Amino acid sequence: MIWMDEHGICHESYTEGTRLTIEDAREQIQIISEISGHKKVPLLVDLNNLIHVPRECRTYYASKEGEKIVKVTALLVGTQMSRVIGNFFIGLNKPATLVKLFISEKEALKWLKEYVN
């Protein structure tokens, strides 16, 4: 699920047991682009229900396509698996935009609000 809040922060969350595909990744970036009016936005991604994000998805998120629409990203990582996924993304894929891991949604939103236009 992807939505924009009243502060201009885009939120992305998943249903339990989600396994992403490259098609999912492309669709997500397209949706974010559309709901943001094709402007760069801060992004909050709740990784807690994900169980698999293949390398091709992580590479796509870290590519120029992701960079076109995302200013900064806060990743919510409250489970062991979500921490692994988040650390893999930051450490192996080296995204061009700033990405931070958070356990607290409140703290993540506080940080993201610094990047709202």
Protein backbone atom coordinates (compact mmCIF):
# COMPACT_ATOMS: atom_id res chain seq x y z
CA MET A 1 0.00 0.00 0.00
CA ILE A 2 1.32 3.45 -0.94
CA TRP A 3 -0.13 6.78 0.17
CA MET A 4 0.84 10.42 0.77
CA ASP A 5 0.20 11.98 4.17
CA GLU A 6 -0.79 15.55 4.96
CA HIS A 7 2.86 16.54 5.49
CA GLY A 8 3.96 15.48 2.00
CA ILE A 9 5.63 12.26 3.12
CA CYS A 10 4.99 9.18 1.02
CA HIS A 11 4.32 5.96 2.95
CA GLU A 12 4.80 2.42 1.72
CA SER A 13 3.80 -0.74 3.59
CA TYR A 14 3.28 -4.40 2.79
CA THR A 15 1.02 -7.25 3.80
CA GLU A 16 2.51 -10.01 5.90
CA GLY A 17 4.76 -12.42 4.03
CA THR A 18 5.35 -10.18 0.99
CA ARG A 19 7.96 -11.25 -1.55
CA LEU A 20 8.76 -8.43 -3.94
CA THR A 21 9.39 -8.79 -7.67
CA ILE A 22 11.02 -6.37 -10.10
CA GLU A 23 7.55 -5.68 -11.50
CA ASP A 24 6.43 -4.64 -8.00
CA ALA A 25 9.43 -2.33 -7.68
CA ARG A 26 8.75 -0.62 -11.01
CA GLU A 27 5.06 -0.22 -10.18
CA GLN A 28 5.86 1.26 -6.76
CA ILE A 29 8.18 3.90 -8.20
CA GLN A 30 5.52 4.76 -10.81
CA ILE A 31 2.82 5.11 -8.14
CA ILE A 32 5.04 7.30 -5.95
CA SER A 33 5.78 9.48 -8.96
CA GLU A 34 2.08 9.85 -9.77
CA ILE A 35 0.84 10.59 -6.24
CA SER A 36 3.66 13.08 -5.66
CA GLY A 37 2.89 15.00 -8.83
CA HIS A 38 6.25 13.84 -10.23
CA LYS A 39 8.13 15.70 -7.46
CA LYS A 40 10.85 14.30 -5.23
CA VAL A 41 9.44 13.34 -1.84
CA PRO A 42 10.62 11.88 1.47
CA LEU A 43 9.65 8.20 1.71
CA LEU A 44 8.81 6.03 4.72
CA VAL A 45 8.98 2.31 3.96
CA ASP A 46 7.78 -0.20 6.56
CA LEU A 47 9.87 -3.32 5.88
CA ASN A 48 8.43 -5.34 8.76
CA ASN A 49 6.16 -7.61 6.69
CA LEU A 50 8.63 -8.29 3.89
CA ILE A 51 10.27 -11.68 3.71
CA HIS A 52 12.18 -11.34 0.44
CA VAL A 53 13.54 -8.46 -1.66
CA PRO A 54 15.66 -9.83 -4.52
CA ARG A 55 18.85 -8.11 -5.61
CA GLU A 56 17.26 -6.82 -8.82
CA CYS A 57 14.63 -4.95 -6.76
CA ARG A 58 17.20 -3.45 -4.40
CA THR A 59 19.32 -2.43 -7.40
CA TYR A 60 16.32 -0.78 -9.06
CA TYR A 61 15.36 1.16 -5.91
CA ALA A 62 18.95 2.42 -5.65
CA SER A 63 19.11 3.36 -9.37
CA LYS A 64 18.51 6.66 -11.16
CA GLU A 65 14.82 5.69 -11.45
CA GLY A 66 14.39 5.69 -7.69
CA GLU A 67 16.57 8.76 -7.29
CA LYS A 68 14.33 10.76 -9.67
CA ILE A 69 11.40 10.68 -7.27
CA VAL A 70 12.73 9.99 -3.74
CA LYS A 71 14.57 12.67 -1.72
CA VAL A 72 15.39 10.56 1.34
CA THR A 73 14.15 7.25 2.70
CA ALA A 74 13.42 6.09 6.23
CA LEU A 75 13.19 2.31 6.57
CA LEU A 76 11.21 0.90 9.50
CA VAL A 77 12.97 -2.22 10.72
CA GLY A 78 11.36 -3.81 13.75
CA THR A 79 12.02 -7.45 12.91
CA GLN A 80 15.20 -9.44 12.36
CA MET A 81 14.33 -9.99 8.67
CA SER A 82 13.53 -6.31 8.08
CA ARG A 83 16.88 -5.30 9.60
CA VAL A 84 18.69 -7.71 7.27
CA ILE A 85 16.82 -6.35 4.23
CA GLY A 86 17.48 -2.73 5.25
CA ASN A 87 21.16 -3.31 5.93
CA PHE A 88 21.59 -5.20 2.65
CA PHE A 89 20.01 -2.31 0.77
CA ILE A 90 22.19 0.34 2.38
CA GLY A 91 25.42 -1.67 2.50
CA LEU A 92 25.34 -3.57 -0.78
CA ASN A 93 23.27 -1.39 -3.10
CA LYS A 94 24.65 1.98 -2.00
CA PRO A 95 21.60 4.11 -2.88
CA ALA A 96 22.36 7.57 -4.28
CA THR A 97 19.92 9.20 -1.85
CA LEU A 98 20.18 9.25 1.93
CA VAL A 99 18.62 6.20 3.64
CA LYS A 100 18.36 5.62 7.40
CA LEU A 101 17.02 2.72 9.46
CA PHE A 102 14.51 3.35 12.25
CA ILE A 103 12.74 1.18 14.80
CA SER A 104 10.31 3.97 15.75
CA GLU A 105 7.84 5.31 13.19
CA LYS A 106 7.56 8.51 15.23
CA GLU A 107 11.32 9.11 14.99
CA ALA A 108 11.34 8.24 11.28
CA LEU A 109 8.57 10.76 10.56
CA LYS A 110 10.33 13.42 12.62
CA TRP A 111 13.48 12.94 10.52
CA LEU A 112 11.56 12.86 7.21
CA LYS A 113 9.71 16.11 8.01
CA GLU A 114 13.08 17.87 7.80
CA TYR A 115 13.07 17.07 4.06
CA VAL A 116 9.53 18.21 3.19
CA ASN A 117 9.47 21.28 0.92
